Amino acid sequence: MRLLWSLPKAAPALLRHLVAYIELASLDIARAQREVLAELIAFAVIALCGVFALFMGCLAVVAYTWDTPHRVTAIVCMGGGFLVIAAAAAVYRANAAKPNPPFLASVRQAWKEDRVLIERILSDSE
């Protein structure tokens, strides 16, 4: 029953905090969107340029070795080289992945801080 009597006293603060939580959540979501978009764009540019560079390099090797008996060997060596590079990149990506902050981390932190205040307000009225 005392909780109902303390509710009018705590309601404005609770509403302000609710609005602040919504703002923090929207900021976290916007930050996450920006980070994902930036990573996608960077990955797309790197991948596209890398594919064209590799294609042109392979084409140059095949053109250079076309009239020689080493053309099949050159093509097989390029394929093996790409396989080794892909494996090394996968290992590097697995080891170099940076830990991202948890989703809505600032909202969680603010809630931890405000929960103490809310408990204090509610306990004062008892």
C-alpha atoms as a PDB file:
ATOM      1  CA  MET A   1       0.000   0.000   0.000  1.00  0.00           C
ATOM      2  CA  ARG A   2       2.861   2.367   0.771  1.00  0.00           C
ATOM      3  CA  LEU A   3       4.106   1.731  -2.725  1.00  0.00           C
ATOM      4  CA  LEU A   4       0.916   3.262  -4.116  1.00  0.00           C
ATOM      5  CA  TRP A   5       1.327   6.341  -1.887  1.00  0.00           C
ATOM      6  CA  SER A   6       4.939   6.828  -2.978  1.00  0.00           C
ATOM      7  CA  LEU A   7       4.115   6.418  -6.661  1.00  0.00           C
ATOM      8  CA  PRO A   8       3.013  10.069  -7.215  1.00  0.00           C
ATOM      9  CA  LYS A   9       6.279  11.219  -5.656  1.00  0.00           C
ATOM     10  CA  ALA A  10       8.383   8.909  -7.812  1.00  0.00           C
ATOM     11  CA  ALA A  11       6.364   9.113 -11.053  1.00  0.00           C
ATOM     12  CA  PRO A  12       8.023  12.243 -12.535  1.00  0.00           C
ATOM     13  CA  ALA A  13      11.499  10.852 -11.900  1.00  0.00           C
ATOM     14  CA  LEU A  14      10.497   7.480 -13.293  1.00  0.00           C
ATOM     15  CA  LEU A  15       9.061   9.054 -16.439  1.00  0.00           C
ATOM     16  CA  ARG A  16      12.193  11.156 -16.955  1.00  0.00           C
ATOM     17  CA  HIS A  17      14.314   8.055 -16.580  1.00  0.00           C
ATOM     18  CA  LEU A  18      12.096   6.113 -18.967  1.00  0.00           C
ATOM     19  CA  VAL A  19      12.534   8.827 -21.587  1.00  0.00           C
ATOM     20  CA  ALA A  20      16.287   8.838 -20.931  1.00  0.00           C
ATOM     21  CA  TYR A  21      16.389   5.060 -21.392  1.00  0.00           C
ATOM     22  CA  ILE A  22      14.602   5.397 -24.711  1.00  0.00           C
ATOM     23  CA  GLU A  23      17.083   8.069 -25.800  1.00  0.00           C
ATOM     24  CA  LEU A  24      20.043   5.918 -24.721  1.00  0.00           C
ATOM     25  CA  ALA A  25      18.602   2.942 -26.565  1.00  0.00           C
ATOM     26  CA  SER A  26      18.125   5.010 -29.717  1.00  0.00           C
ATOM     27  CA  LEU A  27      21.716   6.274 -29.471  1.00  0.00           C
ATOM     28  CA  ASP A  28      23.008   2.715 -29.033  1.00  0.00           C
ATOM     29  CA  ILE A  29      20.957   1.500 -31.988  1.00  0.00           C
ATOM     30  CA  ALA A  30      22.172   4.390 -34.158  1.00  0.00           C
ATOM     31  CA  ARG A  31      25.793   3.689 -33.179  1.00  0.00           C
ATOM     32  CA  ALA A  32      25.386  -0.003 -33.965  1.00  0.00           C
ATOM     33  CA  GLN A  33      23.840   0.835 -37.345  1.00  0.00           C
ATOM     34  CA  ARG A  34      26.698   3.193 -38.206  1.00  0.00           C
ATOM     35  CA  GLU A  35      29.310   0.612 -37.224  1.00  0.00           C
ATOM     36  CA  VAL A  36      27.655  -2.165 -39.215  1.00  0.00           C
ATOM     37  CA  LEU A  37      27.190   0.056 -42.263  1.00  0.00           C
ATOM     38  CA  ALA A  38      30.809   1.251 -42.128  1.00  0.00           C
ATOM     39  CA  GLU A  39      32.068  -2.325 -41.863  1.00  0.00           C
ATOM     40  CA  LEU A  40      29.847  -3.444 -44.740  1.00  0.00           C
ATOM     41  CA  ILE A  41      31.014  -0.640 -47.006  1.00  0.00           C
ATOM     42  CA  ALA A  42      34.672  -1.224 -46.155  1.00  0.00           C
ATOM     43  CA  PHE A  43      34.305  -4.956 -46.702  1.00  0.00           C
ATOM     44  CA  ALA A  44      32.548  -4.443 -50.041  1.00  0.00           C
ATOM     45  CA  VAL A  45      35.212  -2.036 -51.310  1.00  0.00           C
ATOM     46  CA  ILE A  46      38.072  -4.273 -50.178  1.00  0.00           C
ATOM     47  CA  ALA A  47      36.442  -7.379 -51.621  1.00  0.00           C
ATOM     48  CA  LEU A  48      35.655  -5.772 -54.959  1.00  0.00           C
ATOM     49  CA  CYS A  49      39.103  -4.262 -55.393  1.00  0.00           C
ATOM     50  CA  GLY A  50      40.747  -7.461 -54.246  1.00  0.00           C
ATOM     51  CA  VAL A  51      38.790  -9.569 -56.705  1.00  0.00           C
ATOM     52  CA  PHE A  52      39.668  -7.286 -59.609  1.00  0.00           C
ATOM     53  CA  ALA A  53      43.334  -7.149 -58.598  1.00  0.00           C
ATOM     54  CA  LEU A  54      43.535 -10.917 -58.287  1.00  0.00           C
ATOM     55  CA  PHE A  55      41.725 -11.413 -61.573  1.00  0.00           C
ATOM     56  CA  MET A  56      44.106  -9.078 -63.377  1.00  0.00           C
ATOM     57  CA  GLY A  57      47.137 -10.725 -61.759  1.00  0.00           C
ATOM     58  CA  CYS A  58      45.932 -14.179 -62.755  1.00  0.00           C
ATOM     59  CA  LEU A  59      45.219 -12.982 -66.251  1.00  0.00           C
ATOM     60  CA  ALA A  60      48.739 -11.569 -66.477  1.00  0.00           C
ATOM     61  CA  VAL A  61      50.288 -14.870 -65.319  1.00  0.00           C
ATOM     62  CA  VAL A  62      48.215 -16.909 -67.756  1.00  0.00           C
ATOM     63  CA  ALA A  63      49.044 -14.493 -70.602  1.00  0.00           C
ATOM     64  CA  TYR A  64      52.749 -14.644 -69.749  1.00  0.00           C
ATOM     65  CA  THR A  65      52.853 -18.461 -69.624  1.00  0.00           C
ATOM     66  CA  TRP A  66      50.337 -19.240 -72.388  1.00  0.00           C
ATOM     67  CA  ASP A  67      52.763 -20.348 -75.088  1.00  0.00           C
ATOM     68  CA  THR A  68      54.948 -22.310 -72.672  1.00  0.00           C
ATOM     69  CA  PRO A  69      54.636 -25.807 -71.226  1.00  0.00           C
ATOM     70  CA  HIS A  70      54.258 -24.242 -67.737  1.00  0.00           C
ATOM     71  CA  ARG A  71      50.791 -22.752 -68.197  1.00  0.00           C
ATOM     72  CA  VAL A  72      48.942 -25.547 -66.346  1.00  0.00           C
ATOM     73  CA  THR A  73      51.499 -25.481 -63.546  1.00  0.00           C
ATOM     74  CA  ALA A  74      51.101 -21.710 -63.233  1.00  0.00           C
ATOM     75  CA  ILE A  75      47.318 -21.991 -63.010  1.00  0.00           C
ATOM     76  CA  VAL A  76      47.505 -24.777 -60.389  1.00  0.00           C
ATOM     77  CA  CYS A  77      50.045 -22.809 -58.331  1.00  0.00           C
ATOM     78  CA  MET A  78      47.801 -19.712 -58.392  1.00  0.00           C
ATOM     79  CA  GLY A  79      44.853 -21.805 -57.197  1.00  0.00           C
ATOM     80  CA  GLY A  80      46.937 -23.272 -54.367  1.00  0.00           C
ATOM     81  CA  GLY A  81      48.211 -19.833 -53.462  1.00  0.00           C
ATOM     82  CA  PHE A  82      44.665 -18.491 -53.229  1.00  0.00           C
ATOM     83  CA  LEU A  83      43.711 -21.404 -51.012  1.00  0.00           C
ATOM     84  CA  VAL A  84      46.627 -20.707 -48.654  1.00  0.00           C
ATOM     85  CA  ILE A  85      45.829 -16.983 -48.558  1.00  0.00           C
ATOM     86  CA  ALA A  86      42.148 -17.677 -47.830  1.00  0.00           C
ATOM     87  CA  ALA A  87      43.061 -20.012 -44.963  1.00  0.00           C
ATOM     88  CA  ALA A  88      45.500 -17.471 -43.515  1.00  0.00           C
ATOM     89  CA  ALA A  89      42.882 -14.720 -43.763  1.00  0.00           C
ATOM     90  CA  ALA A  90      40.306 -16.899 -42.007  1.00  0.00           C
ATOM     91  CA  VAL A  91      42.732 -17.626 -39.162  1.00  0.00           C
ATOM     92  CA  TYR A  92      43.656 -13.952 -38.889  1.00  0.00           C
ATOM     93  CA  ARG A  93      39.987 -12.909 -38.837  1.00  0.00           C
ATOM     94  CA  ALA A  94      39.211 -15.417 -36.107  1.00  0.00           C
ATOM     95  CA  ASN A  95      42.102 -14.166 -33.953  1.00  0.00           C
ATOM     96  CA  ALA A  96      41.783 -10.444 -34.634  1.00  0.00           C
ATOM     97  CA  ALA A  97      38.048 -10.103 -34.074  1.00  0.00           C
ATOM     98  CA  LYS A  98      37.619  -7.295 -31.569  1.00  0.00           C
ATOM     99  CA  PRO A  99      34.983  -7.730 -28.908  1.00  0.00           C
ATOM    100  CA  ASN A 100      32.102  -5.334 -29.472  1.00  0.00           C
ATOM    101  CA  PRO A 101      30.327  -3.809 -26.502  1.00  0.00           C
ATOM    102  CA  PRO A 102      27.088  -5.592 -25.693  1.00  0.00           C
ATOM    103  CA  PHE A 103      23.946  -4.295 -27.343  1.00  0.00           C
ATOM    104  CA  LEU A 104      22.279  -1.506 -25.283  1.00  0.00           C
ATOM    105  CA  ALA A 105      25.216  -1.455 -22.854  1.00  0.00           C
ATOM    106  CA  SER A 106      24.660   2.173 -21.840  1.00  0.00           C
ATOM    107  CA  VAL A 107      21.007   1.456 -21.063  1.00  0.00           C
ATOM    108  CA  ARG A 108      22.015  -1.464 -18.845  1.00  0.00           C
ATOM    109  CA  GLN A 109      24.590   0.661 -17.043  1.00  0.00           C
ATOM    110  CA  ALA A 110      22.116   3.486 -16.470  1.00  0.00           C
ATOM    111  CA  TRP A 111      19.525   1.012 -15.200  1.00  0.00           C
ATOM    112  CA  LYS A 112      22.021  -0.417 -12.687  1.00  0.00           C
ATOM    113  CA  GLU A 113      22.698   3.080 -11.385  1.00  0.00           C
ATOM    114  CA  ASP A 114      19.064   4.123 -11.312  1.00  0.00           C
ATOM    115  CA  ARG A 115      17.827   0.931  -9.721  1.00  0.00           C
ATOM    116  CA  VAL A 116      19.662   1.896  -6.540  1.00  0.00           C
ATOM    117  CA  LEU A 117      17.955   5.305  -6.551  1.00  0.00           C
ATOM    118  CA  ILE A 118      14.526   3.786  -7.180  1.00  0.00           C
ATOM    119  CA  GLU A 119      15.002   1.293  -4.367  1.00  0.00           C
ATOM    120  CA  ARG A 120      16.042   4.154  -2.079  1.00  0.00           C
ATOM    121  CA  ILE A 121      12.976   6.210  -3.000  1.00  0.00           C
ATOM    122  CA  LEU A 122      10.668   3.288  -2.467  1.00  0.00           C
ATOM    123  CA  SER A 123      12.294   2.298   0.815  1.00  0.00           C
ATOM    124  CA  ASP A 124      12.072   5.877   2.190  1.00  0.00           C
ATOM    125  CA  SER A 125       8.320   5.791   1.925  1.00  0.00           C
ATOM    126  CA  GLU A 126       8.010   2.631   3.990  1.00  0.00           C
END
